[in-house]
Amino acid sequence: MKTVQISLNSIDKVKSFVNAITQFDYDFDLISGRYVIDAKSIMGIFSLDLSKPIDLAIHVENDVDEILEALKPYLV
């Protein structure tokens, strides 16, 4: 598992982020305080405080570089 911080401070960024990670068959969780949300759920993401960076847990053993390349626009 790899954890990175991302910023999703606009509606368009949330939509493009979900589109980017749904192309991967791995599990992604967004962690904000005590809340853990499925990162592929747009409704779940909008339930979080998007004004500050959020931790993204990527449940993967390999292909990390490919995933991080796709996430580059959102990384803090």
C-alpha atoms as a PDB file:
ATOM      1  CA  MET A   1       0.000   0.000   0.000  1.00  0.00           C
ATOM      2  CA  LYS A   2       1.185   3.526  -0.807  1.00  0.00           C
ATOM      3  CA  THR A   3      -0.206   6.734   0.669  1.00  0.00           C
ATOM      4  CA  VAL A   4       0.046  10.164  -0.973  1.00  0.00           C
ATOM      5  CA  GLN A   5      -1.584  13.547  -0.369  1.00  0.00           C
ATOM      6  CA  ILE A   6      -3.855  14.992  -3.036  1.00  0.00           C
ATOM      7  CA  SER A   7      -5.832  18.179  -3.506  1.00  0.00           C
ATOM      8  CA  LEU A   8      -9.345  18.113  -4.970  1.00  0.00           C
ATOM      9  CA  ASN A   9     -10.383  21.749  -4.590  1.00  0.00           C
ATOM     10  CA  SER A  10     -12.864  22.009  -7.477  1.00  0.00           C
ATOM     11  CA  ILE A  11     -15.751  20.035  -8.932  1.00  0.00           C
ATOM     12  CA  ASP A  12     -13.898  19.539 -12.223  1.00  0.00           C
ATOM     13  CA  LYS A  13     -10.855  18.167 -10.384  1.00  0.00           C
ATOM     14  CA  VAL A  14     -13.036  15.661  -8.512  1.00  0.00           C
ATOM     15  CA  LYS A  15     -14.650  14.441 -11.751  1.00  0.00           C
ATOM     16  CA  SER A  16     -11.343  14.100 -13.609  1.00  0.00           C
ATOM     17  CA  PHE A  17      -9.727  12.414 -10.557  1.00  0.00           C
ATOM     18  CA  VAL A  18     -12.469   9.755 -10.400  1.00  0.00           C
ATOM     19  CA  ASN A  19     -12.195   9.199 -14.164  1.00  0.00           C
ATOM     20  CA  ALA A  20      -8.409   8.797 -13.834  1.00  0.00           C
ATOM     21  CA  ILE A  21      -8.501   6.192 -11.057  1.00  0.00           C
ATOM     22  CA  THR A  22     -11.419   4.137 -12.372  1.00  0.00           C
ATOM     23  CA  GLN A  23      -9.159   2.927 -15.200  1.00  0.00           C
ATOM     24  CA  PHE A  24      -7.212   0.940 -12.573  1.00  0.00           C
ATOM     25  CA  ASP A  25      -8.555  -2.265 -11.009  1.00  0.00           C
ATOM     26  CA  TYR A  26      -7.047  -1.492  -7.590  1.00  0.00           C
ATOM     27  CA  ASP A  27      -8.729  -0.154  -4.465  1.00  0.00           C
ATOM     28  CA  PHE A  28      -8.264   3.510  -3.583  1.00  0.00           C
ATOM     29  CA  ASP A  29      -9.348   5.038  -0.258  1.00  0.00           C
ATOM     30  CA  LEU A  30      -9.509   8.706   0.687  1.00  0.00           C
ATOM     31  CA  ILE A  31      -8.742   9.361   4.349  1.00  0.00           C
ATOM     32  CA  SER A  32      -9.782  12.617   6.004  1.00  0.00           C
ATOM     33  CA  GLY A  33      -9.613  12.575   9.782  1.00  0.00           C
ATOM     34  CA  ARG A  34     -11.553   9.523  10.926  1.00  0.00           C
ATOM     35  CA  TYR A  35     -13.435   9.132   7.645  1.00  0.00           C
ATOM     36  CA  VAL A  36     -12.375   6.585   5.032  1.00  0.00           C
ATOM     37  CA  ILE A  37     -14.161   6.905   1.678  1.00  0.00           C
ATOM     38  CA  ASP A  38     -13.944   4.828  -1.513  1.00  0.00           C
ATOM     39  CA  ALA A  39     -12.021   7.172  -3.835  1.00  0.00           C
ATOM     40  CA  LYS A  40     -14.025   5.952  -6.858  1.00  0.00           C
ATOM     41  CA  SER A  41     -17.248   7.321  -5.330  1.00  0.00           C
ATOM     42  CA  ILE A  42     -18.003  10.885  -6.425  1.00  0.00           C
ATOM     43  CA  MET A  43     -20.737  11.238  -3.803  1.00  0.00           C
ATOM     44  CA  GLY A  44     -18.379   9.977  -1.116  1.00  0.00           C
ATOM     45  CA  ILE A  45     -15.694  12.477  -2.110  1.00  0.00           C
ATOM     46  CA  PHE A  46     -18.142  15.373  -1.886  1.00  0.00           C
ATOM     47  CA  SER A  47     -18.934  14.359   1.717  1.00  0.00           C
ATOM     48  CA  LEU A  48     -15.333  15.259   2.680  1.00  0.00           C
ATOM     49  CA  ASP A  49     -13.804  18.656   3.465  1.00  0.00           C
ATOM     50  CA  LEU A  50     -12.145  19.426   0.121  1.00  0.00           C
ATOM     51  CA  SER A  51     -10.630  22.747   1.232  1.00  0.00           C
ATOM     52  CA  LYS A  52      -7.473  21.011   2.468  1.00  0.00           C
ATOM     53  CA  PRO A  53      -5.307  18.136   1.169  1.00  0.00           C
ATOM     54  CA  ILE A  54      -6.604  14.579   1.636  1.00  0.00           C
ATOM     55  CA  ASP A  55      -4.641  11.340   2.082  1.00  0.00           C
ATOM     56  CA  LEU A  56      -5.071   8.815  -0.723  1.00  0.00           C
ATOM     57  CA  ALA A  57      -4.290   5.181   0.135  1.00  0.00           C
ATOM     58  CA  ILE A  58      -3.469   3.123  -2.950  1.00  0.00           C
ATOM     59  CA  HIS A  59      -3.832  -0.619  -2.308  1.00  0.00           C
ATOM     60  CA  VAL A  60      -1.313  -1.943  -4.824  1.00  0.00           C
ATOM     61  CA  GLU A  61       1.934  -3.895  -4.766  1.00  0.00           C
ATOM     62  CA  ASN A  62       3.192  -3.039  -8.268  1.00  0.00           C
ATOM     63  CA  ASP A  63       2.354  -0.538 -11.051  1.00  0.00           C
ATOM     64  CA  VAL A  64       2.772   2.288  -8.518  1.00  0.00           C
ATOM     65  CA  ASP A  65       4.707   4.455 -10.999  1.00  0.00           C
ATOM     66  CA  GLU A  66       1.935   4.208 -13.591  1.00  0.00           C
ATOM     67  CA  ILE A  67      -0.696   5.188 -11.019  1.00  0.00           C
ATOM     68  CA  LEU A  68       1.370   8.111  -9.685  1.00  0.00           C
ATOM     69  CA  GLU A  69       1.849   9.373 -13.249  1.00  0.00           C
ATOM     70  CA  ALA A  70      -1.950   9.409 -13.723  1.00  0.00           C
ATOM     71  CA  LEU A  71      -2.372  11.187 -10.361  1.00  0.00           C
ATOM     72  CA  LYS A  72       0.292  13.851 -11.009  1.00  0.00           C
ATOM     73  CA  PRO A  73      -2.210  16.754 -11.502  1.00  0.00           C
ATOM     74  CA  TYR A  74      -3.709  16.077  -8.039  1.00  0.00           C
ATOM     75  CA  LEU A  75      -0.605  15.432  -5.929  1.00  0.00           C
ATOM     76  CA  VAL A  76       0.303  18.020  -3.317  1.00  0.00           C
END
